[in-house]
Amino acid sequence: MVAALGITTVLVTHDIDEAVYLAQCVIVLSSAPTVVQEDLRVDLPDDRDQIVTRSLPRFAELRTHAYGHIRAAKAR
C-alpha cells in the first residue's frame, strides 16, 4: 500500500526485531560522533506476518547481522 503511494516512512527504534520486521532497510548508527555504520537491506517478503516472518531463517540472519554492527558501534 505505502509503496503504491510512493510514500517513505522513517521509524526510529531501539528494538532490533521491530526494525527488521517492519523495514525495507535498517540504518545502524555508530556512537558519537554519529555516522552511518551499516545500511542493511531487508529482503524479507513484503507481505509479513508476525509469527511466520519472525520464524524465517532469513529474519534471524538479518537480526544477527544488525546486532553485530550495533555491538561493534558500542565497542568503539
PDB file of N, CA and C in Angstrom:
ATOM      1  N   MET A   1       0.817  -1.193   0.000  1.00  0.00           N
ATOM      2  CA  MET A   1       0.000   0.000   0.000  1.00  0.00           C
ATOM      3  C   MET A   1       0.859   1.254   0.000  1.00  0.00           C
ATOM      4  N   VAL A   2       1.794   1.353   0.924  1.00  0.00           N
ATOM      5  CA  VAL A   2       2.651   2.535   1.016  1.00  0.00           C
ATOM      6  C   VAL A   2       3.494   2.680  -0.245  1.00  0.00           C
ATOM      7  N   ALA A   3       4.041   1.570  -0.752  1.00  0.00           N
ATOM      8  CA  ALA A   3       4.857   1.625  -1.962  1.00  0.00           C
ATOM      9  C   ALA A   3       4.037   2.114  -3.157  1.00  0.00           C
ATOM     10  N   ALA A   4       2.801   1.700  -3.238  1.00  0.00           N
ATOM     11  CA  ALA A   4       1.948   2.125  -4.345  1.00  0.00           C
ATOM     12  C   ALA A   4       1.692   3.623  -4.314  1.00  0.00           C
ATOM     13  N   LEU A   5       1.743   4.215  -3.122  1.00  0.00           N
ATOM     14  CA  LEU A   5       1.510   5.649  -2.978  1.00  0.00           C
ATOM     15  C   LEU A   5       2.798   6.460  -3.098  1.00  0.00           C
ATOM     16  N   GLY A   6       3.950   5.792  -3.124  1.00  0.00           N
ATOM     17  CA  GLY A   6       5.221   6.488  -3.224  1.00  0.00           C
ATOM     18  C   GLY A   6       5.593   7.213  -1.937  1.00  0.00           C
ATOM     19  N   ILE A   7       5.216   6.659  -0.806  1.00  0.00           N
ATOM     20  CA  ILE A   7       5.457   7.277   0.497  1.00  0.00           C
ATOM     21  C   ILE A   7       6.673   6.633   1.153  1.00  0.00           C
ATOM     22  N   THR A   8       7.527   7.465   1.740  1.00  0.00           N
ATOM     23  CA  THR A   8       8.652   6.970   2.528  1.00  0.00           C
ATOM     24  C   THR A   8       8.358   7.264   3.987  1.00  0.00           C
ATOM     25  N   THR A   9       8.575   6.287   4.844  1.00  0.00           N
ATOM     26  CA  THR A   9       8.361   6.440   6.280  1.00  0.00           C
ATOM     27  C   THR A   9       9.663   6.135   6.996  1.00  0.00           C
ATOM     28  N   VAL A  10      10.011   6.972   7.964  1.00  0.00           N
ATOM     29  CA  VAL A  10      11.201   6.736   8.773  1.00  0.00           C
ATOM     30  C   VAL A  10      10.737   6.369  10.177  1.00  0.00           C
ATOM     31  N   LEU A  11      11.225   5.239  10.669  1.00  0.00           N
ATOM     32  CA  LEU A  11      10.901   4.757  12.003  1.00  0.00           C
ATOM     33  C   LEU A  11      12.193   4.722  12.806  1.00  0.00           C
ATOM     34  N   VAL A  12      12.198   5.367  13.953  1.00  0.00           N
ATOM     35  CA  VAL A  12      13.356   5.325  14.842  1.00  0.00           C
ATOM     36  C   VAL A  12      13.009   4.390  15.991  1.00  0.00           C
ATOM     37  N   THR A  13      13.862   3.390  16.203  1.00  0.00           N
ATOM     38  CA  THR A  13      13.593   2.404  17.241  1.00  0.00           C
ATOM     39  C   THR A  13      14.901   1.876  17.815  1.00  0.00           C
ATOM     40  N   HIS A  14      14.822   1.352  19.005  1.00  0.00           N
ATOM     41  CA  HIS A  14      15.949   0.672  19.621  1.00  0.00           C
ATOM     42  C   HIS A  14      15.697  -0.840  19.658  1.00  0.00           C
ATOM     43  N   ASP A  15      14.615  -1.279  19.055  1.00  0.00           N
ATOM     44  CA  ASP A  15      14.220  -2.684  19.045  1.00  0.00           C
ATOM     45  C   ASP A  15      14.623  -3.306  17.708  1.00  0.00           C
ATOM     46  N   ILE A  16      15.633  -4.164  17.737  1.00  0.00           N
ATOM     47  CA  ILE A  16      16.166  -4.752  16.506  1.00  0.00           C
ATOM     48  C   ILE A  16      15.114  -5.592  15.794  1.00  0.00           C
ATOM     49  N   ASP A  17      14.372  -6.401  16.533  1.00  0.00           N
ATOM     50  CA  ASP A  17      13.333  -7.233  15.914  1.00  0.00           C
ATOM     51  C   ASP A  17      12.293  -6.378  15.203  1.00  0.00           C
ATOM     52  N   GLU A  18      11.861  -5.316  15.864  1.00  0.00           N
ATOM     53  CA  GLU A  18      10.880  -4.412  15.265  1.00  0.00           C
ATOM     54  C   GLU A  18      11.428  -3.791  13.988  1.00  0.00           C
ATOM     55  N   ALA A  19      12.674  -3.355  14.024  1.00  0.00           N
ATOM     56  CA  ALA A  19      13.282  -2.722  12.850  1.00  0.00           C
ATOM     57  C   ALA A  19      13.328  -3.687  11.672  1.00  0.00           C
ATOM     58  N   VAL A  20      13.797  -4.907  11.911  1.00  0.00           N
ATOM     59  CA  VAL A  20      13.912  -5.887  10.828  1.00  0.00           C
ATOM     60  C   VAL A  20      12.533  -6.311  10.330  1.00  0.00           C
ATOM     61  N   TYR A  21      11.580  -6.457  11.232  1.00  0.00           N
ATOM     62  CA  TYR A  21      10.236  -6.885  10.836  1.00  0.00           C
ATOM     63  C   TYR A  21       9.518  -5.829   9.984  1.00  0.00           C
ATOM     64  N   LEU A  22       9.645  -4.558  10.361  1.00  0.00           N
ATOM     65  CA  LEU A  22       8.874  -3.505   9.699  1.00  0.00           C
ATOM     66  C   LEU A  22       9.554  -2.865   8.488  1.00  0.00           C
ATOM     67  N   ALA A  23      10.875  -2.921   8.431  1.00  0.00           N
ATOM     68  CA  ALA A  23      11.601  -2.097   7.459  1.00  0.00           C
ATOM     69  C   ALA A  23      11.934  -2.803   6.152  1.00  0.00           C
ATOM     70  N   GLN A  24      12.236  -1.973   5.163  1.00  0.00           N
ATOM     71  CA  GLN A  24      12.836  -2.450   3.924  1.00  0.00           C
ATOM     72  C   GLN A  24      14.347  -2.262   3.987  1.00  0.00           C
ATOM     73  N   CYS A  25      14.791  -1.345   4.840  1.00  0.00           N
ATOM     74  CA  CYS A  25      16.217  -1.202   5.126  1.00  0.00           C
ATOM     75  C   CYS A  25      16.363  -0.706   6.559  1.00  0.00           C
ATOM     76  N   VAL A  26      17.459  -1.104   7.187  1.00  0.00           N
ATOM     77  CA  VAL A  26      17.755  -0.710   8.565  1.00  0.00           C
ATOM     78  C   VAL A  26      19.079   0.039   8.536  1.00  0.00           C
ATOM     79  N   ILE A  27      19.077   1.253   9.042  1.00  0.00           N
ATOM     80  CA  ILE A  27      20.285   2.059   9.134  1.00  0.00           C
ATOM     81  C   ILE A  27      20.800   1.948  10.562  1.00  0.00           C
ATOM     82  N   VAL A  28      22.006   1.415  10.726  1.00  0.00           N
ATOM     83  CA  VAL A  28      22.628   1.305  12.045  1.00  0.00           C
ATOM     84  C   VAL A  28      23.598   2.469  12.195  1.00  0.00           C
ATOM     85  N   LEU A  29      23.400   3.251  13.263  1.00  0.00           N
ATOM     86  CA  LEU A  29      24.264   4.395  13.517  1.00  0.00           C
ATOM     87  C   LEU A  29      25.320   4.043  14.541  1.00  0.00           C
ATOM     88  N   SER A  30      26.485   4.657  14.412  1.00  0.00           N
ATOM     89  CA  SER A  30      27.568   4.455  15.370  1.00  0.00           C
ATOM     90  C   SER A  30      27.339   5.341  16.589  1.00  0.00           C
ATOM     91  N   SER A  31      28.187   5.143  17.616  1.00  0.00           N
ATOM     92  CA  SER A  31      28.148   6.085  18.725  1.00  0.00           C
ATOM     93  C   SER A  31      28.842   7.373  18.276  1.00  0.00           C
ATOM     94  N   ALA A  32      28.878   8.342  19.172  1.00  0.00           N
ATOM     95  CA  ALA A  32      29.418   9.664  18.831  1.00  0.00           C
ATOM     96  C   ALA A  32      30.890   9.587  18.440  1.00  0.00           C
ATOM     97  N   PRO A  33      31.299  10.305  17.417  1.00  0.00           N
ATOM     98  CA  PRO A  33      30.448  11.083  16.517  1.00  0.00           C
ATOM     99  C   PRO A  33      29.638  10.142  15.620  1.00  0.00           C
ATOM    100  N   THR A  34      28.376  10.439  15.482  1.00  0.00           N
ATOM    101  CA  THR A  34      27.446   9.546  14.799  1.00  0.00           C
ATOM    102  C   THR A  34      27.654   9.554  13.288  1.00  0.00           C
ATOM    103  N   VAL A  35      27.852   8.348  12.771  1.00  0.00           N
ATOM    104  CA  VAL A  35      27.931   8.128  11.325  1.00  0.00           C
ATOM    105  C   VAL A  35      27.116   6.880  11.008  1.00  0.00           C
ATOM    106  N   VAL A  36      26.752   6.722   9.746  1.00  0.00           N
ATOM    107  CA  VAL A  36      26.047   5.511   9.331  1.00  0.00           C
ATOM    108  C   VAL A  36      27.055   4.362   9.338  1.00  0.00           C
ATOM    109  N   GLN A  37      26.808   3.391  10.181  1.00  0.00           N
ATOM    110  CA  GLN A  37      27.696   2.241  10.304  1.00  0.00           C
ATOM    111  C   GLN A  37      27.304   1.146   9.321  1.00  0.00           C
ATOM    112  N   GLU A  38      26.005   1.016   9.079  1.00  0.00           N
ATOM    113  CA  GLU A  38      25.523  -0.052   8.195  1.00  0.00           C
ATOM    114  C   GLU A  38      24.193   0.358   7.583  1.00  0.00           C
ATOM    115  N   ASP A  39      24.036   0.100   6.306  1.00  0.00           N
ATOM    116  CA  ASP A  39      22.774   0.292   5.600  1.00  0.00           C
ATOM    117  C   ASP A  39      22.351  -1.104   5.150  1.00  0.00           C
ATOM    118  N   LEU A  40      21.547  -1.735   5.972  1.00  0.00           N
ATOM    119  CA  LEU A  40      21.169  -3.133   5.779  1.00  0.00           C
ATOM    120  C   LEU A  40      19.856  -3.227   5.014  1.00  0.00           C
ATOM    121  N   ARG A  41      19.891  -3.838   3.847  1.00  0.00           N
ATOM    122  CA  ARG A  41      18.681  -4.057   3.054  1.00  0.00           C
ATOM    123  C   ARG A  41      17.945  -5.276   3.593  1.00  0.00           C
ATOM    124  N   VAL A  42      16.674  -5.108   3.888  1.00  0.00           N
ATOM    125  CA  VAL A  42      15.856  -6.198   4.419  1.00  0.00           C
ATOM    126  C   VAL A  42      15.111  -6.835   3.251  1.00  0.00           C
ATOM    127  N   ASP A  43      15.519  -8.043   2.906  1.00  0.00           N
ATOM    128  CA  ASP A  43      14.949  -8.721   1.741  1.00  0.00           C
ATOM    129  C   ASP A  43      13.933  -9.794   2.138  1.00  0.00           C
ATOM    130  N   LEU A  44      13.115  -9.458   3.107  1.00  0.00           N
ATOM    131  CA  LEU A  44      12.023 -10.347   3.504  1.00  0.00           C
ATOM    132  C   LEU A  44      10.818 -10.070   2.605  1.00  0.00           C
ATOM    133  N   PRO A  45       9.893 -11.008   2.511  1.00  0.00           N
ATOM    134  CA  PRO A  45       8.695 -10.774   1.694  1.00  0.00           C
ATOM    135  C   PRO A  45       7.944  -9.527   2.182  1.00  0.00           C
ATOM    136  N   ASP A  46       7.360  -8.788   1.249  1.00  0.00           N
ATOM    137  CA  ASP A  46       6.608  -7.577   1.619  1.00  0.00           C
ATOM    138  C   ASP A  46       5.400  -7.897   2.490  1.00  0.00           C
ATOM    139  N   ASP A  47       4.733  -9.004   2.200  1.00  0.00           N
ATOM    140  CA  ASP A  47       3.562  -9.412   2.980  1.00  0.00           C
ATOM    141  C   ASP A  47       4.063 -10.194   4.187  1.00  0.00           C
ATOM    142  N   ARG A  48       4.122  -9.530   5.349  1.00  0.00           N
ATOM    143  CA  ARG A  48       4.729 -10.136   6.538  1.00  0.00           C
ATOM    144  C   ARG A  48       3.694 -10.435   7.607  1.00  0.00           C
ATOM    145  N   ASP A  49       3.918 -11.532   8.277  1.00  0.00           N
ATOM    146  CA  ASP A  49       3.085 -11.973   9.383  1.00  0.00           C
ATOM    147  C   ASP A  49       4.004 -12.134  10.588  1.00  0.00           C
ATOM    148  N   GLN A  50       3.590 -11.633  11.752  1.00  0.00           N
ATOM    149  CA  GLN A  50       4.453 -11.643  12.938  1.00  0.00           C
ATOM    150  C   GLN A  50       5.041 -13.020  13.230  1.00  0.00           C
ATOM    151  N   ILE A  51       4.227 -14.033  13.251  1.00  0.00           N
ATOM    152  CA  ILE A  51       4.683 -15.373  13.620  1.00  0.00           C
ATOM    153  C   ILE A  51       5.531 -15.991  12.509  1.00  0.00           C
ATOM    154  N   VAL A  52       5.007 -15.983  11.304  1.00  0.00           N
ATOM    155  CA  VAL A  52       5.693 -16.628  10.181  1.00  0.00           C
ATOM    156  C   VAL A  52       7.009 -15.921   9.859  1.00  0.00           C
ATOM    157  N   THR A  53       6.971 -14.610   9.721  1.00  0.00           N
ATOM    158  CA  THR A  53       8.165 -13.857   9.329  1.00  0.00           C
ATOM    159  C   THR A  53       9.272 -13.989  10.364  1.00  0.00           C
ATOM    160  N   ARG A  54       8.934 -13.865  11.639  1.00  0.00           N
ATOM    161  CA  ARG A  54       9.963 -13.932  12.685  1.00  0.00           C
ATOM    162  C   ARG A  54      10.538 -15.335  12.869  1.00  0.00           C
ATOM    163  N   SER A  55       9.902 -16.338  12.283  1.00  0.00           N
ATOM    164  CA  SER A  55      10.442 -17.700  12.366  1.00  0.00           C
ATOM    165  C   SER A  55      11.297 -18.059  11.150  1.00  0.00           C
ATOM    166  N   LEU A  56      11.372 -17.172  10.170  1.00  0.00           N
ATOM    167  CA  LEU A  56      12.178 -17.442   8.977  1.00  0.00           C
ATOM    168  C   LEU A  56      13.674 -17.385   9.304  1.00  0.00           C
ATOM    169  N   PRO A  57      14.457 -18.291   8.737  1.00  0.00           N
ATOM    170  CA  PRO A  57      15.911 -18.230   8.939  1.00  0.00           C
ATOM    171  C   PRO A  57      16.501 -16.891   8.487  1.00  0.00           C
ATOM    172  N   ARG A  58      15.964 -16.312   7.424  1.00  0.00           N
ATOM    173  CA  ARG A  58      16.489 -15.027   6.927  1.00  0.00           C
ATOM    174  C   ARG A  58      16.252 -13.917   7.940  1.00  0.00           C
ATOM    175  N   PHE A  59      15.136 -13.946   8.652  1.00  0.00           N
ATOM    176  CA  PHE A  59      14.878 -12.950   9.695  1.00  0.00           C
ATOM    177  C   PHE A  59      15.973 -13.034  10.753  1.00  0.00           C
ATOM    178  N   ALA A  60      16.306 -14.245  11.186  1.00  0.00           N
ATOM    179  CA  ALA A  60      17.351 -14.441  12.196  1.00  0.00           C
ATOM    180  C   ALA A  60      18.703 -13.956  11.682  1.00  0.00           C
ATOM    181  N   GLU A  61      19.001 -14.212  10.413  1.00  0.00           N
ATOM    182  CA  GLU A  61      20.266 -13.748   9.828  1.00  0.00           C
ATOM    183  C   GLU A  61      20.353 -12.231   9.827  1.00  0.00           C
ATOM    184  N   LEU A  62      19.282 -11.571   9.400  1.00  0.00           N
ATOM    185  CA  LEU A  62      19.269 -10.107   9.357  1.00  0.00           C
ATOM    186  C   LEU A  62      19.377  -9.508  10.752  1.00  0.00           C
ATOM    187  N   ARG A  63      18.661 -10.092  11.697  1.00  0.00           N
ATOM    188  CA  ARG A  63      18.696  -9.609  13.073  1.00  0.00           C
ATOM    189  C   ARG A  63      20.101  -9.752  13.656  1.00  0.00           C
ATOM    190  N   THR A  64      20.728 -10.898  13.435  1.00  0.00           N
ATOM    191  CA  THR A  64      22.075 -11.147  13.931  1.00  0.00           C
ATOM    192  C   THR A  64      23.080 -10.193  13.293  1.00  0.00           C
ATOM    193  N   HIS A  65      22.932  -9.947  12.008  1.00  0.00           N
ATOM    194  CA  HIS A  65      23.820  -9.028  11.295  1.00  0.00           C
ATOM    195  C   HIS A  65      23.710  -7.608  11.875  1.00  0.00           C
ATOM    196  N   ALA A  66      22.487  -7.131  12.052  1.00  0.00           N
ATOM    197  CA  ALA A  66      22.273  -5.787  12.617  1.00  0.00           C
ATOM    198  C   ALA A  66      22.828  -5.711  14.037  1.00  0.00           C
ATOM    199  N   TYR A  67      22.569  -6.729  14.835  1.00  0.00           N
ATOM    200  CA  TYR A  67      23.048  -6.747  16.215  1.00  0.00           C
ATOM    201  C   TYR A  67      24.578  -6.709  16.277  1.00  0.00           C
ATOM    202  N   GLY A  68      25.227  -7.407  15.381  1.00  0.00           N
ATOM    203  CA  GLY A  68      26.685  -7.387  15.319  1.00  0.00           C
ATOM    204  C   GLY A  68      27.226  -5.996  15.085  1.00  0.00           C
ATOM    205  N   HIS A  69      26.570  -5.234  14.199  1.00  0.00           N
ATOM    206  CA  HIS A  69      27.003  -3.864  13.933  1.00  0.00           C
ATOM    207  C   HIS A  69      26.719  -2.945  15.120  1.00  0.00           C
ATOM    208  N   ILE A  70      25.649  -3.180  15.816  1.00  0.00           N
ATOM    209  CA  ILE A  70      25.334  -2.378  16.998  1.00  0.00           C
ATOM    210  C   ILE A  70      26.378  -2.639  18.081  1.00  0.00           C
ATOM    211  N   ARG A  71      26.718  -3.886  18.294  1.00  0.00           N
ATOM    212  CA  ARG A  71      27.753  -4.224  19.305  1.00  0.00           C
ATOM    213  C   ARG A  71      29.087  -3.599  18.934  1.00  0.00           C
ATOM    214  N   ALA A  72      29.434  -3.626  17.653  1.00  0.00           N
ATOM    215  CA  ALA A  72      30.694  -3.038  17.190  1.00  0.00           C
ATOM    216  C   ALA A  72      30.702  -1.522  17.432  1.00  0.00           C
ATOM    217  N   ALA A  73      29.553  -0.873  17.227  1.00  0.00           N
ATOM    218  CA  ALA A  73      29.460   0.577  17.435  1.00  0.00           C
ATOM    219  C   ALA A  73      29.629   0.909  18.917  1.00  0.00           C
ATOM    220  N   LYS A  74      29.098   0.076  19.803  1.00  0.00           N
ATOM    221  CA  LYS A  74      29.219   0.312  21.248  1.00  0.00           C
ATOM    222  C   LYS A  74      30.657   0.123  21.721  1.00  0.00           C
ATOM    223  N   ALA A  75      31.391  -0.761  21.052  1.00  0.00           N
ATOM    224  CA  ALA A  75      32.762  -1.077  21.472  1.00  0.00           C
ATOM    225  C   ALA A  75      33.745   0.034  21.135  1.00  0.00           C
ATOM    226  N   ARG A  76      33.371   0.917  20.248  1.00  0.00           N
ATOM    227  CA  ARG A  76      34.287   1.986  19.822  1.00  0.00           C
ATOM    228  C   ARG A  76      34.298   3.123  20.779  1.00  0.00           C
TER     229      ARG A  76
END
